[in-house]
C-alpha cells in the first residue's frame, strides 16, 4: 500500500465527513441522523462512566450540542463516533469533577491494580444462579458499576460495542496495551462474580431504544432550535 493510499479516507470516514458538512450547514435532519446513529453506543459509554441513567442522558444531550457547535472542527481524521465519544467523555469527566470525584478520572495503572486487588467477590453475594435473564442483566450492570471507571469504559467499548483495540484506544486516548490489560482485568473480575451467566447478557447492557432514543433526540433538537 502506498503512503497516499494509507492516508485515503475509508468509505465510513467519507460518510462521516459528508454528514458533518450537512450538520455544519444547519441541516436539522442530518443532526438528527447523527444522534440516532450513535445514540445507543454513546449512551452506554456515558452510563458506564457516570453510573446513573439520568446523568448519562443529560451528558449525552450536552455532548450532542457541543458537537453541533464544534462540528466544523471535525476533519475526518477519526470516525465520527470516536470524535463524539471524546466530547462525551469530556462532559462526563466534568460532571464527575463537580461531584468531587476527581480521583476517578485519570487513574494510574498501578493504583488501579491495587484498588482492584483489594476488592473481594465475597462483598457481592446475590443469588444469581436462580435469577431470570432480566435479573442477571441487572446484576451484571451493578457489577460493572462497581469497577473502577477505567475498566468500565474499556469493557463497554470492547465487550458491549465490540470496538477493536485500536478503536477503543483512540476513543479513550490511551495506549493499546492499556486497553488490553484493562479489558482482561475487567473480564476476569466480572466473570469471577457472575461465572457462566455473563456471556448470555453482556450484549443487552443499558438498552437505549425506542422511547429513550426519541426522548433524547426530541429534547436535544428543542434546545438546538432555541
Protein backbone atom coordinates (compact mmCIF):
# COMPACT_ATOMS: atom_id res chain seq x y z
CA UNK A 1 0.00 0.00 0.00
CA UNK A 2 1.38 3.43 -0.91
CA UNK A 3 1.62 6.23 1.63
CA UNK A 4 -1.03 8.13 -0.29
CA UNK A 5 -3.39 5.15 -0.22
CA UNK A 6 -2.82 4.69 3.50
CA UNK A 7 -3.94 8.27 4.10
CA UNK A 8 -7.02 7.98 1.93
CA UNK A 9 -10.29 8.11 3.91
CA UNK A 10 -12.36 4.96 4.22
CA UNK A 11 -15.97 4.88 2.97
CA UNK A 12 -17.14 5.25 6.59
CA UNK A 13 -14.95 8.33 7.06
CA UNK A 14 -16.26 9.78 3.79
CA UNK A 15 -19.80 9.26 5.03
CA UNK A 16 -18.95 10.87 8.37
CA UNK A 17 -17.44 13.90 6.66
CA UNK A 18 -20.43 14.31 4.40
CA UNK A 19 -22.75 14.14 7.40
CA UNK A 20 -20.62 16.64 9.31
CA UNK A 21 -20.75 19.07 6.40
CA UNK A 22 -24.53 18.81 6.29
CA UNK A 23 -24.74 19.49 10.02
CA UNK A 24 -22.37 22.44 9.70
CA UNK A 25 -24.70 23.84 7.04
CA UNK A 26 -27.51 23.78 9.61
CA UNK A 27 -29.42 20.77 8.27
CA UNK A 28 -31.64 19.54 11.08
CA UNK A 29 -32.27 16.13 9.53
CA UNK A 30 -28.52 15.49 9.40
CA UNK A 31 -28.15 16.45 13.06
CA UNK A 32 -30.97 14.08 13.97
CA UNK A 33 -29.44 11.31 11.85
CA UNK A 34 -26.13 11.69 13.69
CA UNK A 35 -27.86 11.35 17.05
CA UNK A 36 -29.94 8.35 16.07
CA UNK A 37 -26.92 6.65 14.52
CA UNK A 38 -24.79 6.94 17.65
CA UNK A 39 -27.32 7.18 20.50
CA UNK A 40 -27.07 3.64 21.84
CA UNK A 41 -23.29 3.36 21.80
CA UNK A 42 -22.71 6.80 23.28
CA UNK A 43 -25.38 6.36 25.93
CA UNK A 44 -23.75 3.12 27.05
CA UNK A 45 -20.40 4.87 27.31
CA UNK A 46 -21.94 7.72 29.34
CA UNK A 47 -23.85 5.29 31.55
CA UNK A 48 -20.73 3.23 32.23
CA UNK A 49 -18.83 6.38 33.15
CA UNK A 50 -21.43 8.13 35.32
CA UNK A 51 -23.31 5.10 36.72
CA UNK A 52 -26.61 6.96 36.61
CA UNK A 53 -29.29 6.80 33.90
CA UNK A 54 -30.48 10.42 34.18
CA UNK A 55 -26.95 11.84 34.35
CA UNK A 56 -25.97 9.77 31.31
CA UNK A 57 -28.88 11.17 29.27
CA UNK A 58 -28.08 14.74 30.33
CA UNK A 59 -24.41 14.29 29.46
CA UNK A 60 -25.36 12.82 26.08
CA UNK A 61 -27.53 15.83 25.24
CA UNK A 62 -24.78 18.27 26.24
CA UNK A 63 -22.26 16.33 24.16
CA UNK A 64 -24.51 16.49 21.10
CA UNK A 65 -24.97 20.23 21.49
CA UNK A 66 -21.22 20.65 21.88
CA UNK A 67 -20.76 18.54 18.77
CA UNK A 68 -23.08 20.81 16.82
CA UNK A 69 -21.22 23.92 17.98
CA UNK A 70 -17.85 22.44 17.04
CA UNK A 71 -18.78 20.27 14.06
CA UNK A 72 -16.54 22.44 11.89
CA UNK A 73 -13.57 21.05 13.84
CA UNK A 74 -14.28 17.52 12.64
CA UNK A 75 -11.81 16.74 9.84
CA UNK A 76 -12.43 13.04 9.38
CA UNK A 77 -9.07 12.06 10.88
CA UNK A 78 -11.00 9.59 13.04
CA UNK A 79 -14.54 8.24 12.81
CA UNK A 80 -17.38 10.49 13.89
CA UNK A 81 -18.13 8.08 16.72
CA UNK A 82 -14.57 8.43 18.06
CA UNK A 83 -14.82 12.22 17.86
CA UNK A 84 -18.21 12.22 19.60
CA UNK A 85 -17.03 9.80 22.27
CA UNK A 86 -14.23 12.18 23.25
CA UNK A 87 -16.68 15.07 23.56
CA UNK A 88 -18.96 12.88 25.63
CA UNK A 89 -16.19 11.71 27.93
CA UNK A 90 -15.10 15.32 28.47
CA UNK A 91 -18.65 16.13 29.53
CA UNK A 92 -18.83 13.08 31.79
CA UNK A 93 -15.49 13.83 33.41
CA UNK A 94 -16.59 17.41 34.03
CA UNK A 95 -19.65 16.11 35.86
CA UNK A 96 -17.51 13.81 37.95
CA UNK A 97 -15.25 16.71 38.89
CA UNK A 98 -18.28 18.67 40.06
CA UNK A 99 -19.19 15.79 42.34
CA UNK A 100 -15.75 15.80 43.95
CA UNK A 101 -14.64 12.57 42.35
CA UNK A 102 -11.54 13.89 40.62
CA UNK A 103 -9.51 10.87 41.72
CA UNK A 104 -11.61 8.59 39.49
CA UNK A 105 -10.89 10.42 36.26
CA UNK A 106 -7.33 9.63 35.32
CA UNK A 107 -6.27 6.61 37.41
CA UNK A 108 -2.66 5.50 37.33
CA UNK A 109 -2.32 1.89 36.27
CA UNK A 110 -0.57 0.77 39.45
CA UNK A 111 -3.16 2.45 41.64
CA UNK A 112 -5.93 0.71 39.74
CA UNK A 113 -4.31 -2.68 40.20
CA UNK A 114 -4.01 -2.11 43.95
CA UNK A 115 -7.61 -0.93 44.14
CA UNK A 116 -8.93 -3.93 42.25
CA UNK A 117 -6.78 -6.39 44.17
CA UNK A 118 -8.31 -5.02 47.36
CA UNK A 119 -11.81 -5.87 46.12
CA UNK A 120 -13.25 -9.23 47.11
CA UNK A 121 -16.03 -11.02 45.32
CA UNK A 122 -17.36 -12.00 48.74
CA UNK A 123 -18.61 -8.43 49.06
CA UNK A 124 -21.22 -9.33 46.46
CA UNK A 125 -23.17 -12.48 47.19
CA UNK A 126 -26.53 -12.35 45.36
CA UNK A 127 -28.48 -15.49 44.43
CA UNK A 128 -27.87 -15.01 40.72
CA UNK A 129 -27.96 -18.68 39.83
CA UNK A 130 -31.74 -18.74 40.27
CA UNK A 131 -32.36 -15.34 38.64
CA UNK A 132 -34.13 -14.82 35.34
CA UNK A 133 -32.35 -13.31 32.36
CA UNK A 134 -33.53 -9.79 33.15
CA UNK A 135 -32.35 -10.09 36.72
CA UNK A 136 -28.97 -11.37 35.59
CA UNK A 137 -28.62 -8.41 33.28
CA UNK A 138 -29.37 -6.04 36.14
CA UNK A 139 -26.80 -7.84 38.25
CA UNK A 140 -24.17 -7.51 35.56
CA UNK A 141 -24.85 -3.78 35.28
CA UNK A 142 -24.45 -3.47 39.03
CA UNK A 143 -21.19 -5.43 38.89
CA UNK A 144 -19.93 -3.21 36.11
CA UNK A 145 -20.82 -0.12 38.14
CA UNK A 146 -18.64 -1.44 40.96
CA UNK A 147 -15.49 -1.50 38.81
CA UNK A 148 -13.11 1.46 38.55
CA UNK A 149 -14.07 3.91 35.81
CA UNK A 150 -11.08 2.99 33.64
CA UNK A 151 -12.25 -0.62 33.49
CA UNK A 152 -15.93 0.22 32.96
CA UNK A 153 -15.33 2.35 29.88
CA UNK A 154 -12.97 -0.15 28.28
CA UNK A 155 -15.35 -3.05 28.95
CA UNK A 156 -18.32 -1.26 27.39
CA UNK A 157 -16.41 -0.27 24.26
CA UNK A 158 -14.72 -3.66 23.77
CA UNK A 159 -17.25 -6.24 25.02
CA UNK A 160 -20.58 -4.48 24.55
CA UNK A 161 -19.94 -2.33 21.48
CA UNK A 162 -17.31 -4.72 20.10
CA UNK A 163 -14.89 -1.99 19.08
CA UNK A 164 -11.40 -3.11 18.19
CA UNK A 165 -8.45 -2.49 20.50
CA UNK A 166 -7.27 0.25 18.16
CA UNK A 167 -10.67 1.95 18.04
CA UNK A 168 -11.03 1.78 21.81
CA UNK A 169 -7.57 3.23 22.32
CA UNK A 170 -8.41 6.12 20.02
CA UNK A 171 -11.73 6.79 21.76
CA UNK A 172 -10.14 6.87 25.20
CA UNK A 173 -6.79 8.30 24.10
CA UNK A 174 -4.80 5.58 25.84
CA UNK A 175 -2.22 3.05 24.57
CA UNK A 176 -3.47 -0.17 23.00
CA UNK A 177 -1.56 -2.18 25.62
CA UNK A 178 -3.53 -0.40 28.33
CA UNK A 179 -6.78 -1.26 26.57
CA UNK A 180 -5.81 -4.93 26.51
CA UNK A 181 -4.76 -5.08 30.17
CA UNK A 182 -7.81 -3.21 31.45
CA UNK A 183 -10.18 -5.27 29.35
CA UNK A 184 -8.61 -8.51 30.58
CA UNK A 185 -8.82 -7.38 34.19
CA UNK A 186 -12.43 -6.21 33.87
CA UNK A 187 -13.44 -9.50 32.27
CA UNK A 188 -11.71 -11.51 34.98
CA UNK A 189 -13.45 -9.62 37.78
CA UNK A 190 -16.87 -9.80 36.17
CA UNK A 191 -16.58 -13.46 35.25
CA UNK A 192 -15.43 -14.32 38.73
CA UNK A 193 -18.55 -12.60 40.08
CA UNK A 194 -21.05 -13.87 37.52
CA UNK A 195 -19.49 -17.13 36.32
CA UNK A 196 -21.24 -18.62 33.31
CA UNK A 197 -24.15 -16.14 33.29
CA UNK A 198 -22.20 -13.20 31.88
CA UNK A 199 -21.96 -14.49 28.32
CA UNK A 200 -25.72 -14.55 27.79
CA UNK A 201 -26.40 -10.99 28.83
CA UNK A 202 -23.49 -8.68 28.10
CA UNK A 203 -24.85 -7.66 24.67
CA UNK A 204 -28.03 -6.25 26.25
CA UNK A 205 -26.41 -3.89 28.74
CA UNK A 206 -28.02 -0.48 29.18
CA UNK A 207 -30.66 -0.75 26.48
CA UNK A 208 -31.43 2.56 24.81
CA UNK A 209 -34.06 2.15 22.11
CA UNK A 210 -37.47 3.41 21.13
CA UNK A 211 -38.82 5.97 23.58
CA UNK A 212 -35.41 6.53 25.16
CA UNK A 213 -33.83 7.35 21.81
CA UNK A 214 -36.77 9.54 20.78
CA UNK A 215 -36.68 11.43 24.09
CA UNK A 216 -33.01 12.41 23.80
CA UNK A 217 -33.41 13.40 20.15
CA UNK A 218 -36.52 15.49 20.87
CA UNK A 219 -35.00 17.27 23.87
CA UNK A 220 -31.74 17.97 22.08
CA UNK A 221 -33.49 19.28 18.98
CA UNK A 222 -35.71 21.50 21.11
CA UNK A 223 -32.68 23.07 22.76
CA UNK A 224 -30.88 23.34 19.42
CA UNK A 225 -33.83 25.15 17.85
CA UNK A 226 -33.96 27.55 20.78
